[in-house]
Protein backbone atom coordinates (compact mmCIF):
# COMPACT_ATOMS: atom_id res chain seq x y z
CA MET A 1 -45.42 -78.50 107.40
CA SER A 2 -46.38 -76.20 104.23
CA TRP A 3 -47.12 -72.65 104.26
CA ALA A 4 -50.03 -70.64 102.33
CA SER A 5 -48.92 -68.56 99.65
CA PRO A 6 -50.05 -65.24 99.44
CA GLU A 7 -52.28 -65.95 96.47
CA ASP A 8 -53.77 -68.79 98.60
CA ILE A 9 -54.55 -66.30 101.48
CA TYR A 10 -55.86 -63.70 99.12
CA LEU A 11 -58.33 -65.94 97.41
CA SER A 12 -59.85 -67.65 100.82
CA THR A 13 -60.09 -63.99 102.17
CA SER A 14 -62.17 -62.81 99.07
CA LEU A 15 -64.37 -65.84 98.74
CA ALA A 16 -65.00 -65.76 102.62
CA SER A 17 -66.66 -62.60 101.85
CA TYR A 18 -69.28 -64.44 99.99
CA LEU A 19 -69.95 -66.84 102.52
CA ASP A 20 -73.84 -66.99 103.52
CA LYS A 21 -74.98 -64.36 101.06
CA LYS A 22 -77.21 -64.77 97.72
CA LEU A 23 -74.99 -64.96 94.75
CA LEU A 24 -75.66 -64.44 90.73
CA VAL A 25 -73.43 -66.63 88.80
CA LEU A 26 -73.53 -66.31 85.05
CA LEU A 27 -72.24 -69.19 83.00
CA ARG A 28 -70.43 -68.88 79.91
CA ASP A 29 -73.11 -70.46 78.04
CA GLY A 30 -75.62 -67.90 79.20
CA ARG A 31 -77.15 -69.41 81.88
CA LYS A 32 -77.93 -67.84 85.25
CA LEU A 33 -77.38 -69.41 88.57
CA LEU A 34 -78.70 -68.07 92.02
CA ALA A 35 -76.46 -69.79 94.81
CA ASN A 36 -74.17 -69.40 97.67
CA ALA A 37 -70.66 -69.28 97.36
CA VAL A 38 -70.20 -73.12 97.21
CA LEU A 39 -73.24 -73.57 94.97
CA GLU A 40 -75.15 -75.30 97.60
CA GLY A 41 -78.83 -75.06 97.36
CA ALA A 42 -78.45 -73.54 93.62
CA CYS A 43 -81.00 -72.99 91.40
CA GLU A 44 -81.07 -72.30 87.59
CA ARG A 45 -83.04 -69.22 86.36
CA VAL A 46 -84.62 -69.84 83.07
CA ILE A 47 -86.16 -66.66 81.26
CA VAL A 48 -87.99 -66.99 78.12
CA GLY A 49 -89.79 -63.56 77.05
CA GLU A 50 -91.73 -62.28 79.92
CA ILE A 51 -91.84 -65.65 82.01
CA TYR A 52 -89.25 -67.34 84.24
CA CYS A 53 -89.02 -70.35 86.40
CA ASP A 54 -86.29 -71.17 89.16
CA ILE A 55 -85.17 -74.93 88.50
CA PRO A 56 -83.73 -76.23 91.74
CA LEU A 57 -80.20 -78.00 91.36
CA GLY A 58 -79.38 -78.93 94.63
CA LEU A 59 -75.48 -78.95 95.00
CA TYR A 60 -73.99 -77.96 91.76
CA ILE A 61 -70.44 -78.17 90.67
CA ILE A 62 -68.84 -76.05 87.85
CA ARG A 63 -65.53 -75.90 86.78
CA GLY A 64 -63.97 -72.29 87.06
CA GLU A 65 -63.03 -71.65 83.74
CA ASN A 66 -66.57 -71.84 82.93
CA VAL A 67 -67.68 -69.17 85.35
CA VAL A 68 -68.05 -65.54 83.59
CA LEU A 69 -69.56 -63.54 86.30
CA ILE A 70 -70.36 -63.96 89.96
CA GLY A 71 -71.95 -61.31 92.02
CA GLU A 72 -73.93 -60.58 95.37
CA LEU A 73 -77.79 -59.91 94.89
CA ASP A 74 -79.22 -57.32 97.02
CA VAL A 75 -82.11 -59.27 98.76
CA ASP A 76 -84.21 -56.18 99.79
CA LYS A 77 -84.67 -55.63 96.09
CA GLU A 78 -87.04 -56.90 93.51
CA GLU A 79 -84.91 -59.29 91.56
CA LEU A 80 -86.99 -59.12 88.37
CA PRO A 81 -89.48 -56.38 86.58
CA PRO A 82 -92.93 -56.69 87.86
CA HIS A 83 -94.15 -57.46 84.47
CA MET A 84 -92.24 -61.00 84.92
CA THR A 85 -94.58 -63.99 85.31
CA ARG A 86 -92.91 -66.89 87.34
CA VAL A 87 -94.08 -70.37 85.49
CA PRO A 88 -93.58 -74.09 86.57
CA GLU A 89 -90.78 -75.86 84.95
CA ALA A 90 -93.03 -77.69 82.39
CA GLU A 91 -94.19 -74.48 80.92
CA ILE A 92 -90.69 -72.91 80.71
CA ARG A 93 -89.15 -75.78 79.11
CA ARG A 94 -91.85 -75.73 76.38
CA ALA A 95 -91.14 -72.04 75.97
CA GLN A 96 -87.45 -72.85 75.59
CA LYS A 97 -88.17 -75.77 72.96
CA ALA A 98 -90.03 -73.16 70.70
CA GLU A 99 -87.66 -70.32 71.24
CA ARG A 100 -85.01 -72.53 70.28
CA GLU A 101 -87.00 -73.99 67.06
CA ALA A 102 -87.85 -70.33 66.11
CA THR A 103 -84.23 -69.69 66.07
CA ASP A 104 -83.41 -72.76 64.23
CA LEU A 105 -85.94 -71.72 61.34
CA LYS A 106 -84.73 -68.12 61.40
CA GLY A 107 -81.36 -69.74 60.70
CA THR A 108 -82.39 -71.91 57.82
CA MET A 109 -84.57 -69.14 55.96
CA ARG A 110 -81.31 -66.70 56.47
CA LYS A 111 -79.21 -69.67 54.81
CA ARG A 112 -81.96 -70.08 51.81
CA MET A 113 -81.99 -66.33 51.34
CA GLU A 114 -78.41 -66.16 51.08
CA PHE A 115 -78.40 -68.88 48.64
CA LEU A 116 -80.94 -67.10 46.38
CA ASP A 117 -78.80 -63.68 46.73
CA MET A 118 -77.29 -63.16 43.23
CA ASP A 119 -74.88 -60.16 43.78
């Protein structure tokens, strides 16, 4: 028979306080997931400019080392500012692609300008 260490008891007690609560999980790569403690019924909130989409992920497994922040959301408060517009997944994916391409172009232009800089 093995006994739980004090660390195991503390961990299980602290996680138990998140059961049946809506949580916001911020990942190291910048993605934001809305989920419960076991990430069952998770969805990824993608925001580009003033549009957003909640993309269902279902059961989602994340290595603990990738979690930056986890916290409970207040379901009685608005989650997003009123000017934000919810769009379908296909539209948010197009917006993400355009944003990525614009960022890549900006980086390319910056490199060219650095090359021309003759200090």
